[in-house]
Structures are given as C-alpha cells and as structure tokens.
C-alpha cells in the first residue's frame, strides 16, 4: 500500500506523470491480488531493514508498470525502480513506521 499511496502523492505534487502513477497503482493492485507471487523468490531471513524485499517490490512494480505503458515486456524500463516507484521513500524509516503502527494496533489486544 505504501508504494500505491506514494505514487498517488508523487503525481499530486507533480513529481511523476499520471501515466506512470496510474501504471504503478495498477501494478500494486495486481500484486495485492496475487497475480505476481512468482516474482518474489525471497527467503524470510534477510536484513532487518527489509532492503531486499523493498528493492524486489520496486523492481517488480517498475517492470510491470513499464509493461502496461509500453504494451510489452522489454529491457527498457519506462518506469524506474528508484526514480519512480521508490520516489520520496526512505527504506529505513518505512520499516520502523510499520512496526510502530502494528504495535499501536495490536498491543492493546494482548
């Protein structure tokens, strides 16, 4: 959801085009629906910051969004993993933000 909201926000502030934003959003929704599960071969054991997962998500989204824009898969990426998909996001703070939110939601239930 972070990538989808970031794409919408980056469009709103004129940092990316509507075409790129729409393609990223559509790609995010395809991932939510499990359409690209085979694109995530990561193991559970990785660095604490989640950099490996974040970059995998960025690359899958940029590849799929580029495919949606161009009409076919190619080595040329119209949507860049860092310059478009990860724009305005700091990986180290995202992990902590998610952890804090999960704690706020579920700690009272314990």
N, C-alpha and C. Protein backbone atom coordinates (compact mmCIF):
# COMPACT_ATOMS: atom_id res chain seq x y z
N UNK A 1 0.81 -1.19 0.00
CA UNK A 1 0.00 0.00 0.00
C UNK A 1 0.86 1.26 0.00
N UNK A 2 2.02 1.18 0.61
CA UNK A 2 2.91 2.34 0.67
C UNK A 2 3.29 2.78 -0.74
N UNK A 3 3.60 1.85 -1.61
CA UNK A 3 4.01 2.18 -2.98
C UNK A 3 2.85 2.82 -3.74
N UNK A 4 1.64 2.32 -3.54
CA UNK A 4 0.47 2.88 -4.22
C UNK A 4 0.21 4.31 -3.75
N UNK A 5 0.22 4.52 -2.45
CA UNK A 5 -0.02 5.86 -1.91
C UNK A 5 1.10 6.81 -2.33
N UNK A 6 2.33 6.33 -2.33
CA UNK A 6 3.46 7.17 -2.76
C UNK A 6 3.29 7.59 -4.22
N UNK A 7 2.87 6.68 -5.08
CA UNK A 7 2.67 7.01 -6.49
C UNK A 7 1.59 8.08 -6.65
N UNK A 8 0.50 7.95 -5.92
CA UNK A 8 -0.58 8.95 -5.99
C UNK A 8 -0.11 10.31 -5.46
N UNK A 9 0.63 10.28 -4.37
CA UNK A 9 1.14 11.52 -3.78
C UNK A 9 2.16 12.18 -4.69
N UNK A 10 3.06 11.38 -5.26
CA UNK A 10 4.07 11.94 -6.16
C UNK A 10 3.43 12.54 -7.40
N UNK A 11 2.34 11.95 -7.88
CA UNK A 11 1.61 12.55 -9.01
C UNK A 11 0.97 13.86 -8.57
N UNK A 12 0.32 13.84 -7.41
CA UNK A 12 -0.37 15.04 -6.91
C UNK A 12 0.58 16.23 -6.81
N UNK A 13 1.83 15.97 -6.43
CA UNK A 13 2.80 17.04 -6.28
C UNK A 13 3.65 17.26 -7.53
N UNK A 14 3.25 16.63 -8.64
CA UNK A 14 3.92 16.87 -9.91
C UNK A 14 5.29 16.24 -10.07
N UNK A 15 5.56 15.22 -9.28
CA UNK A 15 6.88 14.58 -9.35
C UNK A 15 6.93 13.46 -10.37
N UNK A 16 5.77 12.86 -10.69
CA UNK A 16 5.67 11.86 -11.75
C UNK A 16 4.40 12.13 -12.55
N UNK A 17 4.37 11.62 -13.76
CA UNK A 17 3.20 11.83 -14.63
C UNK A 17 2.03 10.95 -14.21
N UNK A 18 0.85 11.31 -14.69
CA UNK A 18 -0.33 10.49 -14.39
C UNK A 18 -0.20 9.11 -15.02
N UNK A 19 0.43 9.03 -16.18
CA UNK A 19 0.61 7.74 -16.85
C UNK A 19 1.45 6.80 -15.99
N UNK A 20 2.54 7.31 -15.43
CA UNK A 20 3.41 6.49 -14.58
C UNK A 20 2.70 6.16 -13.26
N UNK A 21 2.05 7.14 -12.66
CA UNK A 21 1.32 6.91 -11.41
C UNK A 21 0.25 5.85 -11.60
N UNK A 22 -0.55 5.98 -12.64
CA UNK A 22 -1.62 5.01 -12.90
C UNK A 22 -1.08 3.60 -13.11
N UNK A 23 0.04 3.50 -13.83
CA UNK A 23 0.64 2.18 -14.09
C UNK A 23 1.18 1.56 -12.80
N UNK A 24 1.78 2.36 -11.94
CA UNK A 24 2.28 1.85 -10.65
C UNK A 24 1.10 1.39 -9.80
N UNK A 25 0.05 2.19 -9.73
CA UNK A 25 -1.14 1.84 -8.93
C UNK A 25 -1.76 0.54 -9.43
N UNK A 26 -1.92 0.42 -10.74
CA UNK A 26 -2.50 -0.81 -11.31
C UNK A 26 -1.60 -2.01 -10.99
N UNK A 27 -0.29 -1.83 -11.08
CA UNK A 27 0.65 -2.91 -10.77
C UNK A 27 0.57 -3.30 -9.30
N UNK A 28 0.44 -2.32 -8.42
CA UNK A 28 0.28 -2.60 -6.99
C UNK A 28 -0.96 -3.46 -6.74
N UNK A 29 -2.04 -3.10 -7.38
CA UNK A 29 -3.30 -3.84 -7.17
C UNK A 29 -3.21 -5.26 -7.71
N UNK A 30 -2.46 -5.44 -8.79
CA UNK A 30 -2.24 -6.80 -9.29
C UNK A 30 -1.45 -7.63 -8.28
N UNK A 31 -0.48 -7.00 -7.64
CA UNK A 31 0.31 -7.70 -6.61
C UNK A 31 -0.58 -8.05 -5.42
N UNK A 32 -1.44 -7.12 -4.98
CA UNK A 32 -2.36 -7.40 -3.88
C UNK A 32 -3.22 -8.62 -4.18
N UNK A 33 -3.60 -8.76 -5.44
CA UNK A 33 -4.46 -9.86 -5.86
C UNK A 33 -3.70 -11.15 -6.14
N UNK A 34 -2.40 -11.16 -5.89
CA UNK A 34 -1.60 -12.37 -6.02
C UNK A 34 -1.20 -12.73 -7.44
N UNK A 35 -1.35 -11.80 -8.37
CA UNK A 35 -1.04 -12.09 -9.77
C UNK A 35 0.45 -12.24 -10.06
N UNK A 36 1.30 -11.77 -9.17
CA UNK A 36 2.74 -11.80 -9.43
C UNK A 36 3.53 -12.45 -8.29
N UNK A 37 2.90 -13.37 -7.59
CA UNK A 37 3.55 -14.02 -6.45
C UNK A 37 4.86 -14.70 -6.84
N UNK A 38 4.93 -15.22 -8.05
CA UNK A 38 6.15 -15.91 -8.50
C UNK A 38 7.33 -14.95 -8.70
N UNK A 39 7.09 -13.65 -8.64
CA UNK A 39 8.15 -12.66 -8.80
C UNK A 39 8.87 -12.34 -7.48
N UNK A 40 8.45 -13.01 -6.41
CA UNK A 40 9.01 -12.72 -5.09
C UNK A 40 9.65 -13.98 -4.50
N UNK A 41 10.85 -14.32 -4.97
CA UNK A 41 11.53 -15.54 -4.53
C UNK A 41 12.34 -15.37 -3.24
N UNK A 42 12.05 -14.37 -2.46
CA UNK A 42 12.87 -14.04 -1.30
C UNK A 42 12.65 -15.01 -0.15
N UNK A 43 13.70 -15.20 0.61
CA UNK A 43 13.61 -16.02 1.82
C UNK A 43 13.24 -15.11 2.99
N UNK A 44 12.76 -15.71 4.04
CA UNK A 44 12.35 -14.93 5.20
C UNK A 44 13.54 -14.30 5.92
N UNK A 45 14.71 -14.92 5.84
CA UNK A 45 15.89 -14.42 6.54
C UNK A 45 16.59 -13.38 5.68
N UNK A 46 16.55 -12.14 6.11
CA UNK A 46 17.21 -11.05 5.40
C UNK A 46 17.52 -9.94 6.39
N UNK A 47 18.06 -8.85 5.91
CA UNK A 47 18.44 -7.76 6.80
C UNK A 47 17.23 -7.20 7.53
N UNK A 48 17.47 -6.60 8.66
CA UNK A 48 16.39 -6.05 9.47
C UNK A 48 15.64 -4.91 8.83
N UNK A 49 16.28 -4.20 7.92
CA UNK A 49 15.62 -3.04 7.30
C UNK A 49 14.69 -3.43 6.16
N UNK A 50 14.77 -4.67 5.69
CA UNK A 50 13.90 -5.11 4.61
C UNK A 50 14.30 -4.59 3.25
N UNK A 51 15.56 -4.20 3.09
CA UNK A 51 16.04 -3.63 1.82
C UNK A 51 15.84 -4.60 0.66
N UNK A 52 16.11 -5.86 0.88
CA UNK A 52 15.97 -6.87 -0.17
C UNK A 52 14.52 -6.94 -0.66
N UNK A 53 13.59 -6.97 0.25
CA UNK A 53 12.17 -7.03 -0.12
C UNK A 53 11.74 -5.73 -0.80
N UNK A 54 12.16 -4.60 -0.25
CA UNK A 54 11.80 -3.31 -0.83
C UNK A 54 12.29 -3.20 -2.28
N UNK A 55 13.52 -3.58 -2.53
CA UNK A 55 14.06 -3.49 -3.89
C UNK A 55 13.36 -4.48 -4.82
N UNK A 56 13.03 -5.67 -4.31
CA UNK A 56 12.30 -6.64 -5.12
C UNK A 56 10.95 -6.06 -5.54
N UNK A 57 10.25 -5.46 -4.58
CA UNK A 57 8.95 -4.84 -4.88
C UNK A 57 9.12 -3.72 -5.90
N UNK A 58 10.12 -2.86 -5.69
CA UNK A 58 10.37 -1.76 -6.64
C UNK A 58 10.60 -2.28 -8.05
N UNK A 59 11.40 -3.34 -8.16
CA UNK A 59 11.74 -3.88 -9.48
C UNK A 59 10.54 -4.55 -10.15
N UNK A 60 9.76 -5.29 -9.38
CA UNK A 60 8.57 -5.93 -9.95
C UNK A 60 7.57 -4.86 -10.40
N UNK A 61 7.35 -3.87 -9.56
CA UNK A 61 6.41 -2.80 -9.92
C UNK A 61 6.89 -2.02 -11.14
N UNK A 62 8.18 -1.70 -11.20
CA UNK A 62 8.67 -0.93 -12.35
C UNK A 62 8.59 -1.74 -13.63
N UNK A 63 8.89 -3.02 -13.55
CA UNK A 63 8.82 -3.89 -14.72
C UNK A 63 7.38 -4.01 -15.23
N UNK A 64 6.45 -4.26 -14.31
CA UNK A 64 5.05 -4.42 -14.70
C UNK A 64 4.45 -3.09 -15.17
N UNK A 65 4.74 -2.01 -14.47
CA UNK A 65 4.22 -0.70 -14.87
C UNK A 65 4.75 -0.30 -16.24
N UNK A 66 6.03 -0.58 -16.50
CA UNK A 66 6.61 -0.31 -17.82
C UNK A 66 5.91 -1.13 -18.89
N UNK A 67 5.62 -2.39 -18.56
CA UNK A 67 4.92 -3.27 -19.50
C UNK A 67 3.52 -2.73 -19.80
N UNK A 68 2.83 -2.23 -18.80
CA UNK A 68 1.50 -1.66 -19.01
C UNK A 68 1.56 -0.43 -19.92
N UNK A 69 2.58 0.39 -19.74
CA UNK A 69 2.71 1.60 -20.55
C UNK A 69 3.14 1.27 -21.97
N UNK A 70 4.13 0.41 -22.12
CA UNK A 70 4.70 0.10 -23.43
C UNK A 70 3.92 -0.95 -24.21
N UNK A 71 3.13 -1.76 -23.50
CA UNK A 71 2.36 -2.79 -24.17
C UNK A 71 3.05 -4.13 -24.27
N UNK A 72 4.31 -4.21 -23.88
CA UNK A 72 5.05 -5.49 -23.89
C UNK A 72 6.25 -5.37 -22.97
N UNK A 73 6.76 -6.55 -22.58
CA UNK A 73 7.97 -6.57 -21.74
C UNK A 73 9.20 -6.32 -22.59
N UNK A 74 10.09 -5.50 -22.07
CA UNK A 74 11.37 -5.27 -22.75
C UNK A 74 12.41 -4.91 -21.71
N UNK A 75 13.64 -4.81 -22.13
CA UNK A 75 14.71 -4.46 -21.19
C UNK A 75 14.68 -2.96 -20.87
N UNK A 76 13.99 -2.18 -21.70
CA UNK A 76 13.87 -0.74 -21.46
C UNK A 76 12.75 -0.50 -20.45
N UNK A 77 13.09 0.09 -19.33
CA UNK A 77 12.08 0.36 -18.31
C UNK A 77 11.65 1.83 -18.38
N UNK A 78 10.41 2.06 -18.74
CA UNK A 78 9.84 3.41 -18.75
C UNK A 78 9.69 3.90 -17.32
N UNK A 79 9.37 2.99 -16.43
CA UNK A 79 9.20 3.30 -15.01
C UNK A 79 10.43 2.75 -14.28
N UNK A 80 11.19 3.63 -13.65
CA UNK A 80 12.43 3.23 -12.98
C UNK A 80 12.14 2.81 -11.53
N UNK A 81 12.80 1.73 -11.06
CA UNK A 81 12.54 1.24 -9.70
C UNK A 81 12.80 2.27 -8.60
N UNK A 82 13.88 3.03 -8.72
CA UNK A 82 14.20 4.02 -7.69
C UNK A 82 13.64 5.40 -8.01
N UNK A 83 13.79 5.83 -9.26
CA UNK A 83 13.41 7.20 -9.63
C UNK A 83 11.90 7.42 -9.67
N UNK A 84 11.13 6.36 -9.86
CA UNK A 84 9.67 6.50 -9.91
C UNK A 84 8.97 5.74 -8.78
N UNK A 85 9.22 4.44 -8.67
CA UNK A 85 8.49 3.60 -7.70
C UNK A 85 8.87 3.95 -6.26
N UNK A 86 10.14 4.17 -5.99
CA UNK A 86 10.62 4.41 -4.63
C UNK A 86 10.78 5.91 -4.31
N UNK A 87 10.33 6.76 -5.21
CA UNK A 87 10.49 8.21 -5.08
C UNK A 87 9.91 8.74 -3.78
N UNK A 88 10.73 9.45 -3.02
CA UNK A 88 10.27 10.07 -1.79
C UNK A 88 10.16 9.15 -0.60
N UNK A 89 10.67 7.94 -0.72
CA UNK A 89 10.58 6.97 0.38
C UNK A 89 11.97 6.68 0.92
N UNK A 90 12.07 6.59 2.22
CA UNK A 90 13.32 6.22 2.87
C UNK A 90 13.10 4.86 3.51
N UNK A 91 13.77 3.85 3.00
CA UNK A 91 13.53 2.48 3.44
C UNK A 91 13.69 2.30 4.94
N UNK A 92 14.72 2.89 5.53
CA UNK A 92 14.97 2.65 6.95
C UNK A 92 13.82 3.15 7.82
N UNK A 93 13.17 4.23 7.44
CA UNK A 93 12.08 4.73 8.27
C UNK A 93 10.76 4.00 7.99
N UNK A 94 10.60 3.43 6.80
CA UNK A 94 9.36 2.71 6.50
C UNK A 94 9.19 1.50 7.41
N UNK A 95 10.26 0.75 7.63
CA UNK A 95 10.18 -0.44 8.47
C UNK A 95 9.77 -0.08 9.89
N UNK A 96 10.37 0.97 10.44
CA UNK A 96 10.05 1.37 11.79
C UNK A 96 8.62 1.91 11.88
N UNK A 97 8.19 2.64 10.87
CA UNK A 97 6.84 3.17 10.85
C UNK A 97 5.82 2.04 10.87
N UNK A 98 6.04 1.02 10.06
CA UNK A 98 5.14 -0.12 10.01
C UNK A 98 5.13 -0.83 11.36
N UNK A 99 6.30 -1.05 11.94
CA UNK A 99 6.38 -1.73 13.24
C UNK A 99 5.63 -0.95 14.32
N UNK A 100 5.80 0.37 14.33
CA UNK A 100 5.11 1.18 15.33
C UNK A 100 3.60 1.12 15.14
N UNK A 101 3.16 1.14 13.91
CA UNK A 101 1.72 1.08 13.62
C UNK A 101 1.14 -0.27 14.04
N UNK A 102 1.85 -1.34 13.74
CA UNK A 102 1.40 -2.67 14.13
C UNK A 102 1.33 -2.77 15.65
N UNK A 103 2.34 -2.22 16.33
CA UNK A 103 2.34 -2.24 17.79
C UNK A 103 1.13 -1.48 18.33
N UNK A 104 0.86 -0.30 17.77
CA UNK A 104 -0.27 0.50 18.24
C UNK A 104 -1.60 -0.21 18.03
N UNK A 105 -1.69 -0.96 16.94
CA UNK A 105 -2.94 -1.65 16.63
C UNK A 105 -3.16 -2.90 17.48
N UNK A 106 -2.09 -3.66 17.70
CA UNK A 106 -2.26 -4.98 18.30
C UNK A 106 -1.85 -5.08 19.77
N UNK A 107 -1.02 -4.18 20.27
CA UNK A 107 -0.59 -4.25 21.66
C UNK A 107 -1.78 -4.21 22.62
N UNK A 108 -2.76 -3.34 22.39
CA UNK A 108 -3.92 -3.32 23.30
C UNK A 108 -4.70 -4.63 23.34
N UNK A 109 -4.58 -5.44 22.31
CA UNK A 109 -5.32 -6.70 22.26
C UNK A 109 -4.66 -7.81 23.07
N UNK A 110 -3.40 -7.61 23.46
CA UNK A 110 -2.69 -8.65 24.21
C UNK A 110 -3.10 -8.71 25.66
